[in-house]
């Protein structure tokens, strides 16, 4: 029988088979070129994983927990490769009075897509040396073993439309677009948290 569109929902602690009843989630590490994105990622992941009964989640790193979940946010080195603009629109057509007719044509992006990679690691009772190694540039090369339950890379992408206001609104368009970007990055954090929860749930 086909079960397309349906997913099994489990609320019990899926990490219990590894002897993990307590899990620390320190602040995610932001190695990307998008500022402050790690705060939302940490918060949303903590919120979703608290839904598992039998699994105590600690906010921040604690040495007395059974395991630690590390989140490392990465992006290409160049900002232009992380956020790409498209659907360019002529600025003079939107803000003629503010721009005037003595400047060369320049364009405002209509849409922007952002793409990053989230590395997720669950390791049992790590030492300081192990944590430093996993956070380093070769951390993504380390394979799962008896201590490392997960070491996975999750690609994430979002697309948002930028606001373009006429005349009086031109002075606040930058602020409004920052709000649009912030909202979409928060949605990206929610998407990441869901991926982490599902990765833990459906990997077993």
Foldseek 3Di string as FASTA:
>chain_A
DDPPPDDDDDQADLCVVLVFQEEEEEQEAEAAPPPPLSVLLSVLLQVVVVSRPSHHYHYHDDLPGFKYKYKYKYDDPDPCRFKPFDPWDWLCVAEVPVPDDPDDIDTDGFKMKGKIKMWIKIFTNDDPVLVVCLRDPCVLVDDDDSGIPDTDIDIFMDMDTQDGHYHPCNVCSVVVRVVRVVVRSSVRSNVSSVVVVCCSVVVD
